[in-house]
């Protein structure tokens, strides 16, 4: 495994000699796959995720499928329009509350197909599948504040198997227009192995990821670090409280604007003695991350709430890798230090 740092992006490159094995009845092997992690902010400011994604879009040759809660940053929107105009099939599913943003409107102007999700619960995904091969996913909405102000993370996975997982979810929404509880649980490869890295992928609510998150937290033996936009799920909170009582190191940062939200568990965590701080970003700390025993990372679009578990369309990755966990711990340290300085 080889860790690459380019500019101020924090990136992990996992190079395979033997390929990617899919944990399934008939394992699938892929060659030349890679996994990368990047963060929207660094100690010196934004890392320009939009420019990097635009470059990736400009390199596509066949298909781009996008499930976007919000799509409104010009570099990405312009690259998608260029892709459509050169013959790439560009398809978008967007949350209805954001249908008037530049992404949906500009793509519709040039004739790219757009499906608008109109339920009360949110289509809260933020992912792209490029050329049926590369997946971009995480907490990052494709919008200006999310890129240049808020704290976010992105996982970039070059894997046909993982792309097939996200494409299956996309097709449910785009072609069948099935959202929320109507969406079937049909993820082709719930577990994917890339070298020494094991990935578990779940879509909510159809794959019911909440118990998987809870079990991952229950498995902690030494430490749990978290960066959480919001926590209202009592099952998750109760595990954190129990692990604190058992003597594990439990530390976290939560978004200040959400700390008094209805059903929010910030006060419960704080009063229990857990080392939890409100974030110091004057905009938003938008991560949805747990780091367990410095070796397992939970991340994705999924806020740790009952809405995410039961109603919204979401995706979750559970990544088993000390090397990747180390990168998230670096981001945790930056966010935690910023929170301390703001006290």
Protein backbone atom coordinates (compact mmCIF):
# COMPACT_ATOMS: atom_id res chain seq x y z
CA UNK A 1 0.00 0.00 0.00
CA UNK A 2 1.31 3.41 -0.93
CA UNK A 3 0.14 6.70 0.60
CA UNK A 4 0.27 9.69 -1.74
CA UNK A 5 -0.05 13.34 -0.73
CA UNK A 6 -0.68 15.77 -3.58
CA UNK A 7 -0.77 19.49 -2.76
CA UNK A 8 -2.85 19.98 0.34
CA UNK A 9 -5.17 17.09 -0.44
CA UNK A 10 -4.89 14.22 1.95
CA UNK A 11 -5.03 11.17 -0.31
CA UNK A 12 -4.52 7.48 0.22
CA UNK A 13 -3.62 5.37 -2.81
CA UNK A 14 -3.97 1.65 -2.29
CA UNK A 15 -2.25 -0.05 -5.25
CA UNK A 16 -3.00 -3.67 -5.97
CA UNK A 17 -0.70 -6.23 -7.44
CA UNK A 18 -3.25 -9.03 -7.45
CA UNK A 19 -6.50 -7.10 -7.88
CA UNK A 20 -9.75 -6.60 -6.03
CA UNK A 21 -11.56 -9.60 -4.58
CA UNK A 22 -15.28 -9.37 -4.03
CA UNK A 23 -16.54 -11.26 -0.99
CA UNK A 24 -19.40 -13.18 -2.60
CA UNK A 25 -20.31 -16.78 -3.48
CA UNK A 26 -18.22 -16.39 -6.64
CA UNK A 27 -15.39 -13.95 -5.84
CA UNK A 28 -14.58 -11.38 -8.52
CA UNK A 29 -11.02 -10.18 -9.12
CA UNK A 30 -10.15 -6.78 -10.56
CA UNK A 31 -6.76 -5.40 -11.48
CA UNK A 32 -5.41 -1.88 -11.22
CA UNK A 33 -7.93 -0.70 -8.63
CA UNK A 34 -7.31 2.07 -6.12
CA UNK A 35 -8.92 3.76 -3.14
CA UNK A 36 -8.38 7.42 -2.23
CA UNK A 37 -9.53 9.70 0.57
CA UNK A 38 -9.69 13.50 0.40
CA UNK A 39 -10.93 16.27 2.67
CA UNK A 40 -12.47 19.60 1.71
CA UNK A 41 -10.46 21.65 4.20
CA UNK A 42 -6.93 21.71 5.52
CA UNK A 43 -5.07 23.86 8.02
CA UNK A 44 -4.55 26.44 5.26
CA UNK A 45 -8.02 26.44 3.69
CA UNK A 46 -10.00 24.68 0.97
CA UNK A 47 -8.41 21.88 -1.00
CA UNK A 48 -10.44 22.52 -4.15
CA UNK A 49 -12.36 19.28 -4.40
CA UNK A 50 -14.51 20.80 -7.14
CA UNK A 51 -11.53 21.31 -9.43
CA UNK A 52 -10.35 17.78 -8.92
CA UNK A 53 -13.79 16.32 -9.60
CA UNK A 54 -14.15 18.52 -12.70
CA UNK A 55 -10.86 17.13 -13.99
CA UNK A 56 -12.13 13.57 -13.42
CA UNK A 57 -15.37 14.41 -15.25
CA UNK A 58 -13.39 15.85 -18.16
CA UNK A 59 -11.62 12.49 -18.45
CA UNK A 60 -14.81 10.43 -18.74
CA UNK A 61 -15.63 8.76 -22.04
CA UNK A 62 -18.99 6.99 -21.67
CA UNK A 63 -21.27 7.53 -18.63
CA UNK A 64 -21.75 9.73 -15.57
CA UNK A 65 -24.49 8.92 -13.05
CA UNK A 66 -25.09 11.46 -10.28
CA UNK A 67 -27.21 11.22 -7.14
CA UNK A 68 -27.00 14.68 -5.61
CA UNK A 69 -28.70 16.28 -2.66
CA UNK A 70 -27.33 19.54 -4.06
CA UNK A 71 -25.43 20.23 -7.31
CA UNK A 72 -24.51 23.86 -7.65
CA UNK A 73 -20.78 24.49 -7.94
CA UNK A 74 -19.81 25.94 -11.30
CA UNK A 75 -16.61 23.97 -11.97
CA UNK A 76 -18.48 20.66 -11.61
CA UNK A 77 -21.65 21.81 -13.39
CA UNK A 78 -19.64 23.18 -16.32
CA UNK A 79 -17.66 19.93 -16.59
CA UNK A 80 -20.90 17.92 -16.64
CA UNK A 81 -22.32 20.11 -19.41
CA UNK A 82 -19.11 19.67 -21.41
CA UNK A 83 -19.31 15.92 -20.91
CA UNK A 84 -22.89 15.82 -22.19
CA UNK A 85 -21.99 17.94 -25.19
CA UNK A 86 -19.14 15.63 -26.22
CA UNK A 87 -21.45 12.60 -26.13
CA UNK A 88 -21.04 11.23 -22.61
CA UNK A 89 -24.33 9.97 -21.13
CA UNK A 90 -24.94 12.22 -18.11
CA UNK A 91 -27.87 11.35 -15.82
CA UNK A 92 -28.90 13.09 -12.61
CA UNK A 93 -31.17 12.32 -9.66
CA UNK A 94 -31.56 15.38 -7.43
CA UNK A 95 -33.37 16.17 -4.19
CA UNK A 96 -36.54 18.16 -4.95
CA UNK A 97 -35.68 20.99 -2.55
CA UNK A 98 -32.68 21.78 -4.79
CA UNK A 99 -34.20 21.29 -8.25
CA UNK A 100 -33.76 24.99 -9.12
CA UNK A 101 -30.02 24.98 -8.51
CA UNK A 102 -27.55 25.42 -11.38
CA UNK A 103 -26.77 21.72 -11.76
CA UNK A 104 -30.28 20.49 -12.55
CA UNK A 105 -31.27 23.57 -14.54
CA UNK A 106 -28.13 23.70 -16.71
CA UNK A 107 -28.24 19.98 -17.45
CA UNK A 108 -31.91 20.20 -18.39
CA UNK A 109 -31.13 23.11 -20.72
CA UNK A 110 -28.71 20.99 -22.74
CA UNK A 111 -31.03 17.98 -22.78
CA UNK A 112 -29.45 15.76 -20.13
CA UNK A 113 -32.08 13.67 -18.27
CA UNK A 114 -32.88 14.73 -14.70
CA UNK A 115 -35.10 12.94 -12.18
CA UNK A 116 -36.37 15.07 -9.29
CA UNK A 117 -37.11 13.32 -5.99
CA UNK A 118 -40.25 14.92 -4.54
CA UNK A 119 -40.98 13.07 -1.27
CA UNK A 120 -40.89 14.73 2.12
CA UNK A 121 -37.95 12.55 3.27
CA UNK A 122 -34.72 13.50 1.57
CA UNK A 123 -32.77 11.94 -1.27
CA UNK A 124 -29.64 12.71 0.73
CA UNK A 125 -27.03 10.82 -1.32
CA UNK A 126 -23.96 12.60 -2.69
CA UNK A 127 -22.30 10.25 -5.15
CA UNK A 128 -21.14 10.01 -8.75
CA UNK A 129 -20.27 6.96 -10.80
CA UNK A 130 -17.88 7.75 -13.66
CA UNK A 131 -17.57 5.41 -16.67
CA UNK A 132 -19.00 2.51 -14.64
CA UNK A 133 -15.65 2.32 -12.89
CA UNK A 134 -15.00 5.14 -10.40
CA UNK A 135 -17.20 6.14 -7.45
CA UNK A 136 -17.03 9.48 -5.65
CA UNK A 137 -18.96 9.41 -2.37
CA UNK A 138 -18.91 10.81 1.15
CA UNK A 139 -20.35 13.77 3.04
CA UNK A 140 -19.55 16.36 0.34
CA UNK A 141 -22.47 18.02 -1.45
CA UNK A 142 -21.43 19.43 -4.82
CA UNK A 143 -21.94 23.07 -3.76
CA UNK A 144 -19.83 26.14 -2.98
CA UNK A 145 -20.15 26.24 0.82
CA UNK A 146 -19.62 22.50 1.04
CA UNK A 147 -16.40 22.84 -0.94
CA UNK A 148 -14.84 26.08 0.27
CA UNK A 149 -16.24 26.53 3.78
CA UNK A 150 -17.61 23.37 5.35
CA UNK A 151 -15.67 20.37 6.63
CA UNK A 152 -16.32 17.31 4.44
CA UNK A 153 -14.71 14.09 3.29
CA UNK A 154 -14.71 12.16 0.02
CA UNK A 155 -13.86 8.54 -0.75
CA UNK A 156 -12.86 7.85 -4.36
CA UNK A 157 -13.02 4.18 -5.31
CA UNK A 158 -11.77 2.84 -8.64
CA UNK A 159 -13.53 -0.51 -8.75
CA UNK A 160 -16.03 -1.97 -11.18
CA UNK A 161 -17.64 -3.99 -8.39
CA UNK A 162 -18.17 -0.99 -6.16
CA UNK A 163 -19.37 1.04 -9.14
CA UNK A 164 -21.90 -1.72 -9.82
CA UNK A 165 -23.20 -1.32 -6.26
CA UNK A 166 -23.76 2.40 -6.66
CA UNK A 167 -25.13 2.01 -10.17
CA UNK A 168 -27.73 -0.48 -8.91
CA UNK A 169 -28.88 2.09 -6.32
CA UNK A 170 -28.87 4.84 -8.94
CA UNK A 171 -30.99 2.79 -11.36
CA UNK A 172 -33.60 2.22 -8.65
CA UNK A 173 -33.97 5.96 -8.26
CA UNK A 174 -33.50 7.08 -11.87
CA UNK A 175 -35.16 4.33 -13.91
CA UNK A 176 -37.69 2.87 -11.47
CA UNK A 177 -38.09 6.05 -9.38
CA UNK A 178 -38.08 4.01 -6.19
CA UNK A 179 -37.04 5.96 -3.12
CA UNK A 180 -36.92 5.39 0.61
CA UNK A 181 -38.64 2.25 1.88
CA UNK A 182 -39.84 1.43 -1.65
CA UNK A 183 -36.26 0.79 -2.74
CA UNK A 184 -35.33 -2.92 -2.81
CA UNK A 185 -32.34 -4.37 -0.94
CA UNK A 186 -30.34 -5.59 -3.93
CA UNK A 187 -26.77 -4.34 -3.49
CA UNK A 188 -24.73 -6.75 -5.66
CA UNK A 189 -21.48 -6.81 -3.65
CA UNK A 190 -22.00 -5.65 -0.02
CA UNK A 191 -18.35 -6.48 0.74
CA UNK A 192 -15.42 -5.60 -1.50
CA UNK A 193 -11.78 -6.27 -0.75
CA UNK A 194 -9.08 -4.06 -2.27
CA UNK A 195 -5.70 -5.40 -1.25
CA UNK A 196 -5.62 -5.22 2.56
CA UNK A 197 -8.67 -2.95 2.68
CA UNK A 198 -12.13 -4.39 3.25
CA UNK A 199 -15.10 -2.20 2.32
CA UNK A 200 -18.68 -2.74 3.40
CA UNK A 201 -21.32 -0.68 1.57
CA UNK A 202 -24.92 -0.14 2.62
CA UNK A 203 -27.75 1.95 1.24
CA UNK A 204 -30.46 3.27 3.51
CA UNK A 205 -33.15 2.45 4.29
CA UNK A 206 -33.21 -0.65 2.04
CA UNK A 207 -30.00 -2.27 3.36
CA UNK A 208 -30.73 -1.24 6.97
CA UNK A 209 -27.22 0.02 7.80
CA UNK A 210 -28.04 1.24 11.31
CA UNK A 211 -27.45 -2.14 13.01
CA UNK A 212 -24.16 -2.48 11.13
CA UNK A 213 -23.01 0.90 12.44
CA UNK A 214 -24.07 -0.02 15.98
CA UNK A 215 -22.24 -3.38 15.80
CA UNK A 216 -19.11 -1.65 14.51
CA UNK A 217 -19.18 0.67 17.53
CA UNK A 218 -19.86 -2.23 19.88
CA UNK A 219 -16.74 -3.96 18.55
CA UNK A 220 -14.49 -1.13 19.82
CA UNK A 221 -11.77 -2.30 22.21
CA UNK A 222 -9.75 0.85 22.82
CA UNK A 223 -11.12 4.03 21.24
CA UNK A 224 -13.90 5.73 19.31
CA UNK A 225 -13.40 9.11 17.65
CA UNK A 226 -16.29 10.83 15.92
CA UNK A 227 -17.06 13.87 13.81
CA UNK A 228 -20.84 14.16 13.62
CA UNK A 229 -23.04 16.77 12.02
CA UNK A 230 -25.84 15.45 14.23
CA UNK A 231 -26.62 12.50 16.50
CA UNK A 232 -30.24 11.72 17.40
CA UNK A 233 -30.10 7.93 17.21
CA UNK A 234 -30.35 6.67 20.79
CA UNK A 235 -28.95 3.25 19.90
CA UNK A 236 -25.74 4.88 18.70
CA UNK A 237 -25.61 7.24 21.68
CA UNK A 238 -26.12 4.37 24.12
CA UNK A 239 -23.15 2.47 22.67
CA UNK A 240 -20.95 5.54 23.04
CA UNK A 241 -22.07 5.96 26.66
CA UNK A 242 -21.44 2.29 27.42
CA UNK A 243 -17.99 2.33 25.85
CA UNK A 244 -17.14 5.42 27.91
CA UNK A 245 -18.20 3.58 31.09
CA UNK A 246 -16.08 0.60 30.07
CA UNK A 247 -13.03 2.86 30.06
CA UNK A 248 -12.50 3.33 26.34
CA UNK A 249 -11.34 6.66 24.98
CA UNK A 250 -14.43 8.26 23.40
CA UNK A 251 -13.85 11.69 21.86
CA UNK A 252 -15.87 13.70 19.40
CA UNK A 253 -16.71 16.94 17.67
CA UNK A 254 -20.27 17.89 16.73
CA UNK A 255 -21.71 20.66 14.59
CA UNK A 256 -22.60 23.59 16.86
CA UNK A 257 -25.74 24.61 14.95
CA UNK A 258 -27.23 21.13 15.44
CA UNK A 259 -26.39 20.77 19.13
CA UNK A 260 -29.83 21.96 20.28
CA UNK A 261 -31.86 20.26 17.53
CA UNK A 262 -34.94 18.28 18.52
CA UNK A 263 -33.89 14.90 19.83
CA UNK A 264 -30.20 15.77 19.63
CA UNK A 265 -27.91 13.83 21.96
CA UNK A 266 -25.09 16.36 22.42
CA UNK A 267 -26.10 17.21 26.00
CA UNK A 268 -26.42 13.53 26.94
CA UNK A 269 -22.94 12.83 25.64
CA UNK A 270 -21.47 15.87 27.33
CA UNK A 271 -23.11 15.26 30.70
CA UNK A 272 -21.92 11.64 30.70
CA UNK A 273 -18.33 12.86 30.70
CA UNK A 274 -17.56 12.07 27.07
CA UNK A 275 -14.96 14.41 25.61
CA UNK A 276 -17.22 16.06 23.03
CA UNK A 277 -16.74 19.58 21.68
CA UNK A 278 -18.83 21.83 19.49
CA UNK A 279 -17.02 22.57 16.25
CA UNK A 280 -15.02 25.74 15.63
CA UNK A 281 -15.82 26.16 11.93
CA UNK A 282 -17.81 29.38 11.52
CA UNK A 283 -19.71 27.61 8.76
CA UNK A 284 -20.40 23.88 9.19
CA UNK A 285 -18.62 20.76 10.34
CA UNK A 286 -20.45 18.43 7.96
CA UNK A 287 -18.63 15.11 8.52
CA UNK A 288 -20.52 11.93 9.41
CA UNK A 289 -17.60 9.84 10.65
CA UNK A 290 -16.70 7.28 13.30
CA UNK A 291 -13.15 5.97 13.71
CA UNK A 292 -13.05 2.76 15.75
CA UNK A 293 -9.84 1.44 17.35
CA UNK A 294 -7.83 3.57 14.90
CA UNK A 295 -8.49 0.90 12.26
CA UNK A 296 -12.11 1.10 11.06
CA UNK A 297 -13.87 4.12 9.53
CA UNK A 298 -17.61 4.66 9.13
CA UNK A 299 -18.43 7.43 6.65
CA UNK A 300 -20.86 8.46 3.92
CA UNK A 301 -23.91 10.68 3.52
CA UNK A 302 -25.60 9.10 6.57
CA UNK A 303 -26.16 11.39 9.55
CA UNK A 304 -26.51 9.42 12.78
CA UNK A 305 -30.23 10.05 13.03
CA UNK A 306 -33.48 8.10 12.85
CA UNK A 307 -34.37 10.00 9.67
CA UNK A 308 -31.26 8.62 7.99
CA UNK A 309 -32.03 5.12 9.25
CA UNK A 310 -35.70 4.96 8.35
CA UNK A 311 -36.64 7.51 5.69
CA UNK A 312 -33.88 9.22 3.71
CA UNK A 313 -31.97 7.73 0.79
CA UNK A 314 -28.40 7.46 2.07
CA UNK A 315 -25.19 5.48 1.61
CA UNK A 316 -22.68 4.25 4.18
CA UNK A 317 -19.15 2.87 3.86
CA UNK A 318 -17.44 0.90 6.61
CA UNK A 319 -13.74 0.80 5.76
CA UNK A 320 -11.40 -1.63 7.53
CA UNK A 321 -7.90 -0.18 7.18
CA UNK A 322 -5.48 1.29 9.77
CA UNK A 323 -3.87 3.37 7.00
CA UNK A 324 -7.13 4.99 5.99
CA UNK A 325 -8.15 5.38 9.62
CA UNK A 326 -4.88 7.29 10.19
CA UNK A 327 -5.90 9.84 7.56
CA UNK A 328 -9.28 10.34 9.20
CA UNK A 329 -7.56 10.68 12.58
CA UNK A 330 -5.44 13.49 11.13
CA UNK A 331 -8.64 15.22 10.03
CA UNK A 332 -10.15 14.60 13.46
CA UNK A 333 -7.13 16.21 15.12
CA UNK A 334 -7.46 19.29 12.91
CA UNK A 335 -11.20 19.61 13.56
CA UNK A 336 -10.76 18.92 17.29
CA UNK A 337 -8.00 21.52 17.61
CA UNK A 338 -10.15 24.08 15.79
CA UNK A 339 -12.99 23.29 18.20
CA UNK A 340 -10.69 23.73 21.21
CA UNK A 341 -9.49 27.09 19.94
CA UNK A 342 -13.07 28.27 19.56
CA UNK A 343 -14.02 27.49 23.18
